[in-house]
Amino acid sequence: MGGEFLGQVTGAHGARVRLAIVSLADQTIELLEYQGLDRPSAPAKPFDPGFAHLALVVDDIDALLARIAAYGWMAQGTPQPIASGARAGTRVIYAVGPDGATIEFMQPPLVTVTTDPTS
């Protein structure tokens, strides 16, 4: 994709875009890779104004981090559990890809079901 359409929609005049559409959990996500533009010397950081990221809930955050490392993604530390609130016990981590994109991964705590032996 490119040309005048892309320039008018995004402001990225002269760029080309590789596009992938991913369907996940009844949602559709468009992934765009802009080509042919000057890039900032350093990627944006999660705390920079205007920064946005995608957060995904996963079943096994450790296995996922091992798998994405093979593709150049780096965890920004170690998964940390949320201490309190509605998501207490959920382990979270940001991972940064080779192009500077950031994805947050969240692993909810395991739910232990106990049965009452008297019932």
C-alpha atoms as a PDB file:
ATOM      1  CA  MET A   1       0.000   0.000   0.000  1.00  0.00           C
ATOM      2  CA  GLY A   2       1.241   3.499  -0.698  1.00  0.00           C
ATOM      3  CA  GLY A   3       0.757   6.460  -2.943  1.00  0.00           C
ATOM      4  CA  GLU A   4      -1.550   9.428  -2.541  1.00  0.00           C
ATOM      5  CA  PHE A   5      -4.113   7.412  -0.547  1.00  0.00           C
ATOM      6  CA  LEU A   6      -1.606   6.576   2.185  1.00  0.00           C
ATOM      7  CA  GLY A   7      -0.268  10.112   2.268  1.00  0.00           C
ATOM      8  CA  GLN A   8      -3.747  11.613   2.624  1.00  0.00           C
ATOM      9  CA  VAL A   9      -4.872   9.147   5.318  1.00  0.00           C
ATOM     10  CA  THR A  10      -1.717   9.007   7.474  1.00  0.00           C
ATOM     11  CA  GLY A  11       0.382  12.009   6.501  1.00  0.00           C
ATOM     12  CA  ALA A  12       3.207   9.625   5.510  1.00  0.00           C
ATOM     13  CA  HIS A  13       3.701  11.071   2.006  1.00  0.00           C
ATOM     14  CA  GLY A  14       6.032   8.976  -0.142  1.00  0.00           C
ATOM     15  CA  ALA A  15       5.915   5.961   2.163  1.00  0.00           C
ATOM     16  CA  ARG A  16       5.068   2.367   1.357  1.00  0.00           C
ATOM     17  CA  VAL A  17       3.399   0.074   3.875  1.00  0.00           C
ATOM     18  CA  ARG A  18       3.545  -3.677   4.362  1.00  0.00           C
ATOM     19  CA  LEU A  19       0.289  -4.796   5.927  1.00  0.00           C
ATOM     20  CA  ALA A  20      -0.669  -7.907   7.874  1.00  0.00           C
ATOM     21  CA  ILE A  21      -4.127  -8.538   9.295  1.00  0.00           C
ATOM     22  CA  VAL A  22      -4.311 -10.779  12.348  1.00  0.00           C
ATOM     23  CA  SER A  23      -7.515 -12.199  13.801  1.00  0.00           C
ATOM     24  CA  LEU A  24      -7.282 -12.958  17.492  1.00  0.00           C
ATOM     25  CA  ALA A  25     -10.072 -13.703  19.984  1.00  0.00           C
ATOM     26  CA  ASP A  26     -12.783 -12.361  17.667  1.00  0.00           C
ATOM     27  CA  GLN A  27     -10.773  -9.158  17.138  1.00  0.00           C
ATOM     28  CA  THR A  28      -8.945  -7.955  14.043  1.00  0.00           C
ATOM     29  CA  ILE A  29      -5.615  -6.182  14.352  1.00  0.00           C
ATOM     30  CA  GLU A  30      -3.838  -4.446  11.484  1.00  0.00           C
ATOM     31  CA  LEU A  31      -0.057  -4.488  11.684  1.00  0.00           C
ATOM     32  CA  LEU A  32       1.656  -1.873   9.525  1.00  0.00           C
ATOM     33  CA  GLU A  33       5.334  -1.551   8.639  1.00  0.00           C
ATOM     34  CA  TYR A  34       6.119   1.838   7.093  1.00  0.00           C
ATOM     35  CA  GLN A  35       8.996   1.878   4.597  1.00  0.00           C
ATOM     36  CA  GLY A  36      10.748   4.667   2.746  1.00  0.00           C
ATOM     37  CA  LEU A  37      10.580   7.300   5.513  1.00  0.00           C
ATOM     38  CA  ASP A  38      13.251   8.946   7.600  1.00  0.00           C
ATOM     39  CA  ARG A  39      13.206   7.459  11.090  1.00  0.00           C
ATOM     40  CA  PRO A  40      13.997   9.104  14.412  1.00  0.00           C
ATOM     41  CA  SER A  41      17.471   8.234  15.666  1.00  0.00           C
ATOM     42  CA  ALA A  42      15.963   6.415  18.684  1.00  0.00           C
ATOM     43  CA  PRO A  43      12.640   4.584  19.018  1.00  0.00           C
ATOM     44  CA  ALA A  44       9.967   6.102  21.263  1.00  0.00           C
ATOM     45  CA  LYS A  45       9.853   4.929  24.888  1.00  0.00           C
ATOM     46  CA  PRO A  46       6.676   3.734  26.655  1.00  0.00           C
ATOM     47  CA  PHE A  47       6.709   6.896  28.787  1.00  0.00           C
ATOM     48  CA  ASP A  48       7.009   9.339  25.849  1.00  0.00           C
ATOM     49  CA  PRO A  49       3.953  11.528  25.120  1.00  0.00           C
ATOM     50  CA  GLY A  50       1.759   9.972  22.442  1.00  0.00           C
ATOM     51  CA  PHE A  51       3.248   6.501  22.830  1.00  0.00           C
ATOM     52  CA  ALA A  52       0.787   3.632  22.449  1.00  0.00           C
ATOM     53  CA  HIS A  53       1.191  -0.103  22.910  1.00  0.00           C
ATOM     54  CA  LEU A  54      -0.820  -3.276  22.630  1.00  0.00           C
ATOM     55  CA  ALA A  55      -1.420  -5.441  25.711  1.00  0.00           C
ATOM     56  CA  LEU A  56      -2.162  -9.151  25.322  1.00  0.00           C
ATOM     57  CA  VAL A  57      -3.259 -11.699  27.931  1.00  0.00           C
ATOM     58  CA  VAL A  58      -1.227 -14.913  27.691  1.00  0.00           C
ATOM     59  CA  ASP A  59      -1.295 -18.298  29.426  1.00  0.00           C
ATOM     60  CA  ASP A  60       2.462 -18.766  29.960  1.00  0.00           C
ATOM     61  CA  ILE A  61       4.475 -15.554  29.979  1.00  0.00           C
ATOM     62  CA  ASP A  62       7.838 -17.304  30.515  1.00  0.00           C
ATOM     63  CA  ALA A  63       7.385 -19.622  27.522  1.00  0.00           C
ATOM     64  CA  LEU A  64       6.210 -16.698  25.392  1.00  0.00           C
ATOM     65  CA  LEU A  65       9.268 -14.589  26.270  1.00  0.00           C
ATOM     66  CA  ALA A  66      11.566 -17.467  25.360  1.00  0.00           C
ATOM     67  CA  ARG A  67       9.794 -17.914  22.038  1.00  0.00           C
ATOM     68  CA  ILE A  68       9.791 -14.255  20.968  1.00  0.00           C
ATOM     69  CA  ALA A  69      13.460 -13.806  21.904  1.00  0.00           C
ATOM     70  CA  ALA A  70      14.313 -15.915  18.855  1.00  0.00           C
ATOM     71  CA  TYR A  71      12.756 -13.130  16.738  1.00  0.00           C
ATOM     72  CA  GLY A  72      14.724 -10.299  18.362  1.00  0.00           C
ATOM     73  CA  TRP A  73      12.178  -9.259  21.014  1.00  0.00           C
ATOM     74  CA  MET A  74      13.640  -8.327  24.398  1.00  0.00           C
ATOM     75  CA  ALA A  75      11.849  -8.307  27.740  1.00  0.00           C
ATOM     76  CA  GLN A  76      12.419  -5.057  29.631  1.00  0.00           C
ATOM     77  CA  GLY A  77      13.182  -6.872  32.883  1.00  0.00           C
ATOM     78  CA  THR A  78      11.458  -9.826  34.493  1.00  0.00           C
ATOM     79  CA  PRO A  79       7.695 -10.387  34.732  1.00  0.00           C
ATOM     80  CA  GLN A  80       6.340  -8.685  37.836  1.00  0.00           C
ATOM     81  CA  PRO A  81       3.143  -9.533  39.719  1.00  0.00           C
ATOM     82  CA  ILE A  82       0.605  -6.755  40.238  1.00  0.00           C
ATOM     83  CA  ALA A  83       0.405  -6.286  44.005  1.00  0.00           C
ATOM     84  CA  SER A  84      -3.204  -5.186  44.515  1.00  0.00           C
ATOM     85  CA  GLY A  85      -6.488  -4.286  42.893  1.00  0.00           C
ATOM     86  CA  ALA A  86      -8.628  -6.087  40.378  1.00  0.00           C
ATOM     87  CA  ARG A  87      -5.604  -7.630  38.625  1.00  0.00           C
ATOM     88  CA  ALA A  88      -3.661  -8.619  41.752  1.00  0.00           C
ATOM     89  CA  GLY A  89      -1.353 -11.542  41.030  1.00  0.00           C
ATOM     90  CA  THR A  90      -1.299 -10.911  37.269  1.00  0.00           C
ATOM     91  CA  ARG A  91       2.288 -11.034  35.988  1.00  0.00           C
ATOM     92  CA  VAL A  92       3.175  -8.276  33.516  1.00  0.00           C
ATOM     93  CA  ILE A  93       6.143  -7.369  31.305  1.00  0.00           C
ATOM     94  CA  TYR A  94       6.870  -5.110  28.335  1.00  0.00           C
ATOM     95  CA  ALA A  95       8.812  -6.565  25.415  1.00  0.00           C
ATOM     96  CA  VAL A  96      10.446  -4.446  22.713  1.00  0.00           C
ATOM     97  CA  GLY A  97      10.874  -5.698  19.169  1.00  0.00           C
ATOM     98  CA  PRO A  98      13.821  -5.165  16.852  1.00  0.00           C
ATOM     99  CA  ASP A  99      12.090  -2.128  15.318  1.00  0.00           C
ATOM    100  CA  GLY A 100      11.254  -0.555  18.700  1.00  0.00           C
ATOM    101  CA  ALA A 101       7.604  -1.640  18.857  1.00  0.00           C
ATOM    102  CA  THR A 102       6.421  -2.466  22.381  1.00  0.00           C
ATOM    103  CA  ILE A 103       3.907  -5.115  23.453  1.00  0.00           C
ATOM    104  CA  GLU A 104       2.769  -5.668  27.025  1.00  0.00           C
ATOM    105  CA  PHE A 105       2.081  -9.255  28.065  1.00  0.00           C
ATOM    106  CA  MET A 106      -0.128 -10.129  31.018  1.00  0.00           C
ATOM    107  CA  GLN A 107      -0.508 -13.569  32.608  1.00  0.00           C
ATOM    108  CA  PRO A 108      -3.439 -13.784  35.033  1.00  0.00           C
ATOM    109  CA  PRO A 109      -2.906 -15.842  38.174  1.00  0.00           C
ATOM    110  CA  LEU A 110      -3.969 -19.465  38.073  1.00  0.00           C
ATOM    111  CA  VAL A 111      -7.380 -19.977  39.556  1.00  0.00           C
ATOM    112  CA  THR A 112      -7.360 -22.819  42.051  1.00  0.00           C
ATOM    113  CA  VAL A 113     -10.648 -24.617  42.392  1.00  0.00           C
ATOM    114  CA  THR A 114     -11.136 -26.434  45.641  1.00  0.00           C
ATOM    115  CA  THR A 115     -13.947 -28.765  46.399  1.00  0.00           C
ATOM    116  CA  ASP A 116     -15.543 -29.117  49.777  1.00  0.00           C
ATOM    117  CA  PRO A 117     -15.184 -32.789  50.773  1.00  0.00           C
ATOM    118  CA  THR A 118     -18.285 -32.458  52.946  1.00  0.00           C
ATOM    119  CA  SER A 119     -20.587 -31.599  50.086  1.00  0.00           C
END
